[in-house]
Amino acid sequence: MLSVDQLEDKLIDLAFSEDIGDGDHTTLCCIPEDAMGKSHLLIKENGVLAGVEVAKRVFNRFDPTMQVEVLMQDGTEVRVGDIAMIVTGKVRSLLQTERLMLNIMQRMSGIATQTRKYVKLLEGTNTRVLDTRKTTPGLRMLEKQAVKIGGGTNHRIGLFDMILLKDNHVDFAGGIANAINRCHDYLEKNQLDLKIEIEVRNFDELQQVLDCGGVDRIMLDNFTVADTKKAVDIIAGRYETESSGGITFDTIRSYAEQGVDFVSVGALTHSVKGLDMSFKAC
């Protein structure tokens, strides 16, 4: 399996290929090859900065001679008018890396900003905000990095680093006990050490899980706030608990106050507005 750095390099290479193709003819026709310049990253909207380290990778991947002066690090709460970084190098390189860098940083900063808002809502509780797999295809690693920068917690990266038995798995397996038992047989046979989470839709399924055991976390799917409290009391600390399904910015605090360990929020990544910023000559 590719490392995070290798995946990022493949993404950057693909993005440059998509954007530049056989050449940035606009830049090539009017900017001399030896022209040097400087651009700064201007923040145009309040939020949380994310993607600085990835941006440095973008610049270096395209032209290792580019020099990046970072003025604000990932995770910094930025305001309109802030200058986050200054980049010096060939003007052609500045122009050809501008859009990819901005696309990445705007997207990541939007996610980090959204995540920070949810995290602040839960201050004073012991509940952590989780992301989901509802990410942009190909950009998952970057989007999940942005969640962490914003103060959230990654649930799982993909289908390979955790077992999550959802309703369809249970139904196709012929029930909760079958799904859990087959899971343990598979892990033992393949010598895998993965955490196991199972989704329950009601109290009957919850009791079946408790009777069977053998899991690390129970996901309470589409439970009301009142039923969440009841379920947490029934589980009584035996397993980690997670609330999921239809939880919004306005309701997440109520779920956290019922004592769940985690609340998963797809909105951290699937419907986020990018943070406004620009890359201007200076």
Protein backbone atom coordinates (compact mmCIF):
# COMPACT_ATOMS: atom_id res chain seq x y z
CA MET A 1 0.00 0.00 0.00
CA LEU A 2 1.25 3.49 -0.83
CA SER A 3 2.34 5.80 1.98
CA VAL A 4 0.59 9.12 2.63
CA ASP A 5 3.51 10.98 1.00
CA GLN A 6 3.37 8.75 -2.08
CA LEU A 7 -0.39 9.25 -2.38
CA GLU A 8 0.05 13.01 -2.11
CA ASP A 9 2.73 12.99 -4.81
CA LYS A 10 0.47 10.96 -7.13
CA LEU A 11 -2.40 13.39 -6.49
CA ILE A 12 -0.20 16.41 -7.17
CA ASP A 13 1.20 14.89 -10.37
CA LEU A 14 -2.30 14.03 -11.60
CA ALA A 15 -3.56 17.52 -10.77
CA PHE A 16 -0.73 19.19 -12.67
CA SER A 17 -1.33 16.91 -15.64
CA GLU A 18 -5.03 17.76 -15.57
CA ASP A 19 -4.43 21.51 -15.32
CA ILE A 20 -1.34 22.13 -17.44
CA GLY A 21 -1.61 19.40 -20.06
CA ASP A 22 0.92 20.04 -22.82
CA GLY A 23 1.74 23.51 -21.48
CA ASP A 24 0.38 26.66 -19.86
CA HIS A 25 0.39 28.54 -23.14
CA THR A 26 -0.88 31.78 -21.56
CA THR A 27 2.12 31.97 -19.25
CA LEU A 28 4.61 30.63 -21.77
CA CYS A 29 3.68 33.21 -24.40
CA CYS A 30 4.04 36.34 -22.26
CA ILE A 31 6.42 35.60 -19.35
CA PRO A 32 10.17 35.28 -20.05
CA GLU A 33 11.73 32.04 -18.86
CA ASP A 34 14.22 33.81 -16.59
CA ALA A 35 11.75 36.29 -15.01
CA MET A 36 11.76 36.14 -11.20
CA GLY A 37 9.02 37.28 -8.85
CA LYS A 38 7.28 36.99 -5.52
CA SER A 39 3.66 36.24 -4.53
CA HIS A 40 1.88 36.18 -1.18
CA LEU A 41 -1.09 34.16 0.05
CA LEU A 42 -3.75 36.67 1.10
CA ILE A 43 -6.53 35.58 3.45
CA LYS A 44 -9.90 37.03 2.45
CA GLU A 45 -12.20 35.30 4.96
CA ASN A 46 -11.95 34.52 8.67
CA GLY A 47 -11.34 30.85 9.43
CA VAL A 48 -8.79 28.14 10.22
CA LEU A 49 -5.76 27.78 7.96
CA ALA A 50 -5.00 24.30 6.60
CA GLY A 51 -2.90 22.91 3.79
CA VAL A 52 0.32 24.87 4.35
CA GLU A 53 2.48 21.75 4.40
CA VAL A 54 0.75 20.35 1.32
CA ALA A 55 1.23 23.68 -0.47
CA LYS A 56 4.97 23.51 0.21
CA ARG A 57 4.94 20.04 -1.33
CA VAL A 58 3.10 21.37 -4.41
CA PHE A 59 5.68 24.10 -4.97
CA ASN A 60 8.64 21.77 -4.44
CA ARG A 61 7.17 19.06 -6.66
CA PHE A 62 6.77 21.49 -9.55
CA ASP A 63 9.95 23.52 -9.10
CA PRO A 64 12.40 22.72 -6.26
CA THR A 65 14.02 26.17 -6.64
CA MET A 66 10.91 27.93 -5.31
CA GLN A 67 11.41 29.41 -1.85
CA VAL A 68 8.50 29.40 0.63
CA GLU A 69 8.41 31.66 3.68
CA VAL A 70 5.65 30.40 5.97
CA LEU A 71 4.20 33.15 8.15
CA MET A 72 1.23 31.19 9.54
CA GLN A 73 1.12 27.47 10.33
CA ASP A 74 -1.64 24.92 9.83
CA GLY A 75 -4.32 25.25 12.51
CA THR A 76 -3.92 29.01 12.93
CA GLU A 77 -7.14 31.00 13.19
CA VAL A 78 -6.72 33.59 10.44
CA ARG A 79 -8.53 36.83 9.68
CA VAL A 80 -9.24 38.90 6.58
CA GLY A 81 -6.05 40.64 5.42
CA ASP A 82 -3.59 38.15 6.95
CA ILE A 83 -0.63 37.04 4.83
CA ALA A 84 -0.07 33.32 5.36
CA MET A 85 3.03 32.78 3.22
CA ILE A 86 5.34 34.43 0.71
CA VAL A 87 6.73 32.46 -2.21
CA THR A 88 9.70 33.54 -4.31
CA GLY A 89 10.79 31.99 -7.59
CA LYS A 90 10.40 31.93 -11.34
CA VAL A 91 7.28 33.85 -12.36
CA ARG A 92 6.29 30.98 -14.63
CA SER A 93 6.38 28.61 -11.68
CA LEU A 94 4.37 30.99 -9.49
CA LEU A 95 1.66 31.23 -12.12
CA GLN A 96 1.48 27.53 -12.91
CA THR A 97 1.30 26.39 -9.27
CA GLU A 98 -1.15 29.09 -8.15
CA ARG A 99 -4.46 27.38 -8.89
CA LEU A 100 -3.56 23.92 -7.60
CA MET A 101 -2.18 25.35 -4.38
CA LEU A 102 -5.28 27.51 -3.90
CA ASN A 103 -7.70 24.68 -4.68
CA ILE A 104 -6.05 22.51 -2.04
CA MET A 105 -5.69 25.19 0.62
CA GLN A 106 -9.17 26.63 0.15
CA ARG A 107 -10.74 23.18 0.40
CA MET A 108 -8.66 22.08 3.39
CA SER A 109 -9.11 25.40 5.19
CA GLY A 110 -12.87 25.22 4.66
CA ILE A 111 -12.95 21.75 6.24
CA ALA A 112 -10.69 22.80 9.13
CA THR A 113 -12.86 25.87 9.75
CA GLN A 114 -16.06 23.79 9.77
CA THR A 115 -14.49 21.19 12.04
CA ARG A 116 -13.25 23.81 14.52
CA LYS A 117 -16.81 25.13 14.86
CA TYR A 118 -18.11 21.67 15.80
CA VAL A 119 -15.21 21.05 18.18
CA LYS A 120 -15.86 24.32 20.00
CA LEU A 121 -19.52 23.36 20.37
CA LEU A 122 -18.48 20.30 22.36
CA GLU A 123 -16.12 22.05 24.76
CA GLY A 124 -16.76 20.87 28.31
CA THR A 125 -17.87 17.40 27.23
CA ASN A 126 -15.82 14.25 26.69
CA THR A 127 -17.19 13.70 23.19
CA ARG A 128 -14.99 13.86 20.10
CA VAL A 129 -16.08 14.79 16.58
CA LEU A 130 -15.43 12.14 13.94
CA ASP A 131 -15.28 12.49 10.18
CA THR A 132 -16.66 9.87 7.77
CA ARG A 133 -15.84 8.35 4.37
CA LYS A 134 -18.03 10.99 2.71
CA THR A 135 -15.04 12.60 1.05
CA THR A 136 -14.11 13.76 -2.44
CA PRO A 137 -12.71 10.77 -4.41
CA GLY A 138 -8.93 11.03 -4.55
CA LEU A 139 -8.76 13.79 -1.93
CA ARG A 140 -9.55 11.76 1.17
CA MET A 141 -6.08 11.95 2.71
CA LEU A 142 -6.02 15.75 2.40
CA GLU A 143 -9.57 16.18 3.65
CA LYS A 144 -8.98 13.97 6.66
CA GLN A 145 -5.75 15.86 7.40
CA ALA A 146 -7.84 19.04 7.41
CA VAL A 147 -10.27 17.52 9.93
CA LYS A 148 -7.38 16.81 12.29
CA ILE A 149 -5.98 20.30 11.79
CA GLY A 150 -9.40 21.67 12.78
CA GLY A 151 -9.33 19.64 15.99
CA GLY A 152 -11.49 16.70 14.90
CA THR A 153 -10.69 12.99 14.95
CA ASN A 154 -10.37 10.67 11.96
CA HIS A 155 -12.82 7.76 12.15
CA ARG A 156 -11.11 5.43 9.70
CA ILE A 157 -9.20 6.23 6.54
CA GLY A 158 -10.89 3.62 4.37
CA LEU A 159 -12.22 0.08 4.32
CA PHE A 160 -8.83 -1.37 5.23
CA ASP A 161 -7.98 0.02 8.68
CA MET A 162 -11.05 -0.86 10.78
CA ILE A 163 -14.01 -3.24 10.76
CA LEU A 164 -17.36 -1.41 10.66
CA LEU A 165 -20.34 -3.74 10.47
CA LYS A 166 -23.17 -1.58 9.16
CA ASP A 167 -26.81 -2.45 8.64
CA ASN A 168 -26.28 -3.93 5.17
CA HIS A 169 -23.43 -6.12 6.39
CA VAL A 170 -25.61 -7.42 9.23
CA ASP A 171 -28.59 -8.03 6.95
CA PHE A 172 -26.57 -9.82 4.27
CA ALA A 173 -24.74 -11.89 6.92
CA GLY A 174 -28.02 -13.10 8.38
CA GLY A 175 -27.94 -11.24 11.67
CA ILE A 176 -25.73 -9.61 14.26
CA ALA A 177 -24.24 -12.77 15.79
CA ASN A 178 -23.35 -14.16 12.37
CA ALA A 179 -21.69 -10.90 11.34
CA ILE A 180 -19.60 -10.61 14.52
CA ASN A 181 -18.58 -14.28 14.58
CA ARG A 182 -17.57 -14.26 10.91
CA CYS A 183 -15.61 -11.09 11.56
CA HIS A 184 -13.53 -12.75 14.27
CA ASP A 185 -12.98 -15.85 12.14
CA TYR A 186 -11.74 -13.65 9.28
CA LEU A 187 -9.39 -11.61 11.47
CA GLU A 188 -7.90 -14.73 13.02
CA LYS A 189 -7.50 -16.50 9.69
CA ASN A 190 -5.78 -13.48 8.12
CA GLN A 191 -3.79 -12.55 11.25
CA LEU A 192 -5.23 -9.05 11.33
CA ASP A 193 -5.52 -6.83 14.38
CA LEU A 194 -8.34 -4.39 13.63
CA LYS A 195 -10.86 -2.70 15.90
CA ILE A 196 -14.46 -3.76 15.41
CA GLU A 197 -17.43 -1.41 15.40
CA ILE A 198 -21.03 -2.39 14.79
CA GLU A 199 -24.04 -0.25 13.94
CA VAL A 200 -27.36 -0.81 15.73
CA ARG A 201 -30.69 0.64 14.68
CA ASN A 202 -32.78 -0.07 17.77
CA PHE A 203 -32.67 -1.45 21.29
CA ASP A 204 -33.33 -5.02 20.17
CA GLU A 205 -30.18 -4.94 18.01
CA LEU A 206 -28.28 -3.29 20.85
CA GLN A 207 -29.19 -6.14 23.20
CA GLN A 208 -28.10 -8.68 20.58
CA VAL A 209 -24.69 -7.03 20.40
CA LEU A 210 -24.37 -6.99 24.18
CA ASP A 211 -25.34 -10.66 24.34
CA CYS A 212 -22.79 -11.58 21.66
CA GLY A 213 -19.94 -9.25 22.68
CA GLY A 214 -16.67 -9.17 20.79
CA VAL A 215 -16.73 -5.58 19.57
CA ASP A 216 -14.89 -2.38 20.49
CA ARG A 217 -17.48 0.28 19.66
CA ILE A 218 -21.23 0.47 19.15
CA MET A 219 -22.67 2.99 16.71
CA LEU A 220 -26.14 4.25 17.64
CA ASP A 221 -27.66 5.01 14.25
CA ASN A 222 -30.47 7.59 14.09
CA PHE A 223 -31.25 7.32 17.80
CA THR A 224 -33.09 10.26 19.35
CA VAL A 225 -31.35 12.25 22.07
CA ALA A 226 -33.48 10.56 24.76
CA ASP A 227 -32.81 7.07 23.36
CA THR A 228 -29.10 7.88 23.14
CA LYS A 229 -29.02 8.55 26.87
CA LYS A 230 -30.88 5.29 27.53
CA ALA A 231 -28.50 3.33 25.27
CA VAL A 232 -25.38 4.83 26.86
CA ASP A 233 -26.70 3.84 30.29
CA ILE A 234 -27.38 0.28 29.09
CA ILE A 235 -23.90 -0.06 27.60
CA ALA A 236 -22.51 1.36 30.84
CA GLY A 237 -18.91 1.84 29.72
CA ARG A 238 -18.42 -1.70 28.40
CA TYR A 239 -17.81 -0.45 24.87
CA GLU A 240 -17.07 2.85 23.18
CA THR A 241 -20.19 4.57 21.88
CA GLU A 242 -20.79 6.65 18.77
CA SER A 243 -23.82 8.63 17.64
CA SER A 244 -24.45 8.86 13.92
CA GLY A 245 -27.15 9.76 11.44
CA GLY A 246 -28.81 13.12 10.86
CA ILE A 247 -26.87 14.95 13.57
CA THR A 248 -26.54 18.66 12.81
CA PHE A 249 -24.67 21.66 14.11
CA ASP A 250 -27.75 22.56 16.14
CA THR A 251 -28.20 19.12 17.74
CA ILE A 252 -24.68 17.77 18.23
CA ARG A 253 -24.24 19.29 21.69
CA SER A 254 -27.39 17.57 22.90
CA TYR A 255 -26.03 14.18 21.82
CA ALA A 256 -22.66 14.85 23.43
CA GLU A 257 -24.34 15.68 26.72
CA GLN A 258 -25.79 12.16 26.82
CA GLY A 259 -22.30 10.75 27.34
CA VAL A 260 -21.41 9.28 23.94
CA ASP A 261 -17.68 9.01 23.23
CA PHE A 262 -17.93 10.08 19.59
CA VAL A 263 -20.29 11.82 17.20
CA SER A 264 -19.69 11.30 13.48
CA VAL A 265 -20.55 14.16 11.14
CA GLY A 266 -20.49 13.71 7.37
CA ALA A 267 -20.94 17.46 6.89
CA LEU A 268 -17.31 18.04 7.93
CA THR A 269 -16.26 17.00 4.45
CA HIS A 270 -19.17 16.41 2.09
CA SER A 271 -20.68 19.88 1.84
CA VAL A 272 -18.07 22.42 2.88
CA LYS A 273 -17.46 25.86 1.37
CA GLY A 274 -13.82 26.64 0.67
CA LEU A 275 -12.16 29.45 2.64
CA ASP A 276 -11.62 32.51 0.42
CA MET A 277 -7.98 33.41 -0.26
CA SER A 278 -5.85 34.55 -3.18
CA PHE A 279 -2.25 34.35 -4.39
CA LYS A 280 -1.11 37.77 -5.58
CA ALA A 281 2.09 39.28 -6.88
CA CYS A 282 3.85 41.43 -4.30
